[in-house]
Amino acid sequence: MPLHFTRDEFAARRRQGIASLVARGLDGMLIFRQESMYYLTGYDTFGYVFFQCLYLGADGRLFLLTRAPDLRQAQLTSDIADIRVWVDGPDANPAAELRDMLMSWGLSGKKLGIEWDAYGLTARNGMRVQAAFDDFATLVDASDLVSRQRLVKSASELRYVEQAAHLADLALDEAHRLTAPGVSEAEILAAM
């Protein structure tokens, strides 16, 4: 599956994200929102309900920690070069594995942003992250960092938005054409 944007576009988005990290005095970011992962790398997954974390460092380092079932999807839909897998099992603790990975990069005692406000980060996994990072690094809620960045669209994004608006107009035209008493809603939706 090809990327929906160029590698240069994704690189520019990450550079902007890094600038935001630096401006906030953060050494890195733990990204748990699927839409943030997609925006920064193209990674598109159905596995967002499981523990997955994209790490973006203020120094530009990047890796994804995901489950084995999501490995191929990460390889095929993103430009992430460093994809790491945690093994799902009854005693699995991917939050501790994440901490250990960051420890190997010398991030002990650092200040890391985190997307606490993420539907994919369950309360249980959030508590695991908090416990794993308690004596390791300072976690600062930066749930808005990537979403604020996404508000300003690039030229490439604007082309997609314009195409989406055109398709929405065509769908609405079909709805207007077919809507009449006795017409099945399913028929209208299918035409749309």
Protein backbone atom coordinates (compact mmCIF):
# COMPACT_ATOMS: atom_id res chain seq x y z
CA MET A 1 0.00 0.00 0.00
CA PRO A 2 1.54 3.32 -1.01
CA LEU A 3 1.86 6.19 1.43
CA HIS A 4 -0.87 8.81 1.09
CA PHE A 5 1.70 11.60 1.32
CA THR A 6 5.34 11.86 0.29
CA ARG A 7 8.17 10.93 2.62
CA ASP A 8 9.21 14.58 2.48
CA GLU A 9 5.76 15.61 3.75
CA PHE A 10 6.03 13.21 6.70
CA ALA A 11 9.59 14.38 7.44
CA ALA A 12 8.43 18.02 7.44
CA ARG A 13 5.61 17.15 9.86
CA ARG A 14 8.06 15.45 12.21
CA ARG A 15 10.44 18.42 12.02
CA GLN A 16 7.58 20.69 13.02
CA GLY A 17 6.66 18.31 15.85
CA ILE A 18 10.27 18.32 17.04
CA ALA A 19 10.27 22.13 17.03
CA SER A 20 7.16 22.03 19.24
CA LEU A 21 8.85 19.56 21.60
CA VAL A 22 11.87 21.83 21.91
CA ALA A 23 9.67 24.91 22.45
CA ARG A 24 7.95 23.11 25.35
CA GLY A 25 11.21 21.92 26.86
CA LEU A 26 10.44 18.25 26.16
CA ASP A 27 13.07 15.65 25.32
CA GLY A 28 10.66 13.39 23.49
CA MET A 29 7.05 12.39 23.05
CA LEU A 30 5.07 9.19 23.72
CA ILE A 31 2.37 9.17 21.05
CA PHE A 32 -0.64 6.93 21.59
CA ARG A 33 -3.27 8.49 19.32
CA GLN A 34 -3.77 6.63 16.07
CA GLU A 35 -4.45 9.88 14.21
CA SER A 36 -1.15 11.33 15.46
CA MET A 37 0.76 8.25 14.33
CA TYR A 38 -0.94 8.45 10.93
CA TYR A 39 -0.24 12.16 10.61
CA LEU A 40 3.47 11.87 11.44
CA THR A 41 4.29 8.61 9.65
CA GLY A 42 1.37 7.31 7.56
CA TYR A 43 0.88 4.38 9.97
CA ASP A 44 -2.70 3.19 9.61
CA THR A 45 -3.90 0.37 11.84
CA PHE A 46 -6.95 -1.31 13.28
CA GLY A 47 -4.82 -2.32 16.26
CA TYR A 48 -5.14 1.06 17.99
CA VAL A 49 -7.17 -0.58 20.78
CA PHE A 50 -4.02 -2.43 21.85
CA PHE A 51 -0.84 -0.97 23.33
CA GLN A 52 1.00 0.88 20.59
CA CYS A 53 3.35 3.79 21.10
CA LEU A 54 5.17 5.92 18.57
CA TYR A 55 8.16 7.65 20.14
CA LEU A 56 9.45 10.90 18.65
CA GLY A 57 12.55 12.37 20.23
CA ALA A 58 13.57 16.01 20.23
CA ASP A 59 16.77 14.68 18.64
CA GLY A 60 14.76 13.22 15.72
CA ARG A 61 14.92 9.57 16.78
CA LEU A 62 11.72 7.67 16.09
CA PHE A 63 10.42 4.18 16.74
CA LEU A 64 7.12 2.37 16.95
CA LEU A 65 6.39 -0.22 19.63
CA THR A 66 3.52 -2.45 18.52
CA ARG A 67 2.21 -6.00 18.67
CA ALA A 68 3.31 -8.74 16.27
CA PRO A 69 -0.09 -8.76 14.48
CA ASP A 70 0.39 -5.08 13.55
CA LEU A 71 3.98 -5.39 12.31
CA ARG A 72 3.18 -5.91 8.61
CA GLN A 73 0.63 -3.12 8.61
CA ALA A 74 3.22 -0.77 10.12
CA GLN A 75 5.75 -1.79 7.49
CA LEU A 76 3.29 -1.37 4.61
CA THR A 77 1.50 1.84 5.59
CA SER A 78 4.24 3.98 7.14
CA ASP A 79 7.71 5.35 6.67
CA ILE A 80 8.83 4.13 10.10
CA ALA A 81 12.21 2.40 9.82
CA ASP A 82 12.50 1.30 13.46
CA ILE A 83 9.53 -0.93 14.34
CA ARG A 84 9.75 -2.92 17.55
CA VAL A 85 7.40 -5.67 18.67
CA TRP A 86 6.19 -6.55 22.13
CA VAL A 87 5.01 -10.12 22.60
CA ASP A 88 1.42 -10.39 23.76
CA GLY A 89 0.92 -12.83 26.61
CA PRO A 90 -0.59 -13.11 30.08
CA ASP A 91 2.39 -11.43 31.77
CA ALA A 92 3.19 -8.93 29.02
CA ASN A 93 3.93 -5.37 30.13
CA PRO A 94 4.64 -3.29 27.04
CA ALA A 95 4.90 -0.13 29.17
CA ALA A 96 7.94 -1.60 30.92
CA GLU A 97 9.39 -2.64 27.56
CA LEU A 98 8.87 0.93 26.30
CA ARG A 99 10.68 2.31 29.35
CA ASP A 100 13.57 -0.12 28.82
CA MET A 101 13.89 0.92 25.18
CA LEU A 102 14.03 4.57 26.15
CA MET A 103 16.47 3.77 28.95
CA SER A 104 18.82 2.25 26.36
CA TRP A 105 18.72 5.60 24.57
CA GLY A 106 19.80 7.46 27.70
CA LEU A 107 16.46 9.09 28.45
CA SER A 108 16.46 8.37 32.18
CA GLY A 109 15.63 11.54 34.11
CA LYS A 110 14.36 13.33 31.00
CA LYS A 111 11.08 15.18 30.46
CA LEU A 112 8.75 13.42 28.03
CA GLY A 113 5.46 14.55 26.58
CA ILE A 114 2.67 12.00 26.46
CA GLU A 115 -0.72 11.77 24.81
CA TRP A 116 -2.79 10.85 27.87
CA ASP A 117 -5.96 11.85 26.04
CA ALA A 118 -5.93 8.93 23.60
CA TYR A 119 -8.76 6.45 23.13
CA GLY A 120 -6.22 3.72 22.38
CA LEU A 121 -4.49 4.17 25.73
CA THR A 122 -6.80 2.31 28.10
CA ALA A 123 -6.91 3.20 31.78
CA ARG A 124 -5.05 -0.02 32.61
CA ASN A 125 -2.29 0.70 30.11
CA GLY A 126 -2.14 4.31 31.23
CA MET A 127 -1.57 3.13 34.80
CA ARG A 128 1.12 0.75 33.54
CA VAL A 129 2.89 3.59 31.75
CA GLN A 130 2.68 5.80 34.84
CA ALA A 131 4.08 3.03 37.05
CA ALA A 132 6.85 2.12 34.60
CA PHE A 133 7.96 5.75 34.24
CA ASP A 134 7.57 6.86 37.89
CA ASP A 135 11.27 6.67 38.77
CA PHE A 136 12.48 6.88 35.18
CA ALA A 137 11.29 10.10 33.52
CA THR A 138 8.92 12.99 34.06
CA LEU A 139 5.74 12.65 32.00
CA VAL A 140 3.99 15.84 30.91
CA ASP A 141 0.57 15.82 29.28
CA ALA A 142 1.13 16.98 25.70
CA SER A 143 -2.05 15.53 24.23
CA ASP A 144 -2.55 18.69 22.20
CA LEU A 145 0.90 18.86 20.59
CA VAL A 146 0.22 16.94 17.37
CA SER A 147 -3.47 17.84 17.17
CA ARG A 148 -2.60 21.57 17.24
CA GLN A 149 -0.06 21.00 14.50
CA ARG A 150 -2.69 19.25 12.38
CA LEU A 151 -4.89 22.38 12.36
CA VAL A 152 -2.71 24.11 9.77
CA LYS A 153 -2.89 22.23 6.47
CA SER A 154 -0.10 21.83 3.96
CA ALA A 155 -0.64 22.21 0.22
CA SER A 156 -0.79 18.41 -0.09
CA GLU A 157 -3.45 18.17 2.61
CA LEU A 158 -5.49 20.94 1.03
CA ARG A 159 -5.63 18.96 -2.23
CA TYR A 160 -7.11 16.02 -0.29
CA VAL A 161 -9.59 18.29 1.49
CA GLU A 162 -10.71 19.80 -1.83
CA GLN A 163 -11.18 16.32 -3.34
CA ALA A 164 -13.12 15.18 -0.25
CA ALA A 165 -15.40 18.23 -0.53
CA HIS A 166 -16.00 17.48 -4.21
CA LEU A 167 -16.91 13.85 -3.43
CA ALA A 168 -19.22 15.00 -0.61
CA ASP A 169 -20.98 17.34 -3.05
CA LEU A 170 -21.48 14.45 -5.52
CA ALA A 171 -22.90 12.25 -2.73
CA LEU A 172 -25.30 15.01 -1.66
CA ASP A 173 -26.43 15.45 -5.27
CA GLU A 174 -27.28 11.72 -5.37
CA ALA A 175 -29.21 12.00 -2.12
CA HIS A 176 -31.24 14.94 -3.47
CA ARG A 177 -31.89 13.12 -6.74
CA LEU A 178 -33.22 9.97 -5.08
CA THR A 179 -34.96 11.28 -1.98
CA ALA A 180 -38.71 10.83 -2.29
CA PRO A 181 -41.53 9.29 -0.29
CA GLY A 182 -41.24 5.49 -0.19
CA VAL A 183 -37.60 5.32 -1.34
CA SER A 184 -35.48 3.04 0.81
CA GLU A 185 -32.80 4.78 2.85
CA ALA A 186 -30.49 1.90 1.95
CA GLU A 187 -30.92 2.69 -1.76
CA ILE A 188 -30.10 6.36 -1.17
CA LEU A 189 -27.04 5.52 0.93
CA ALA A 190 -25.82 3.02 -1.64
CA ALA A 191 -26.05 5.63 -4.38
CA MET A 192 -24.29 8.16 -2.22
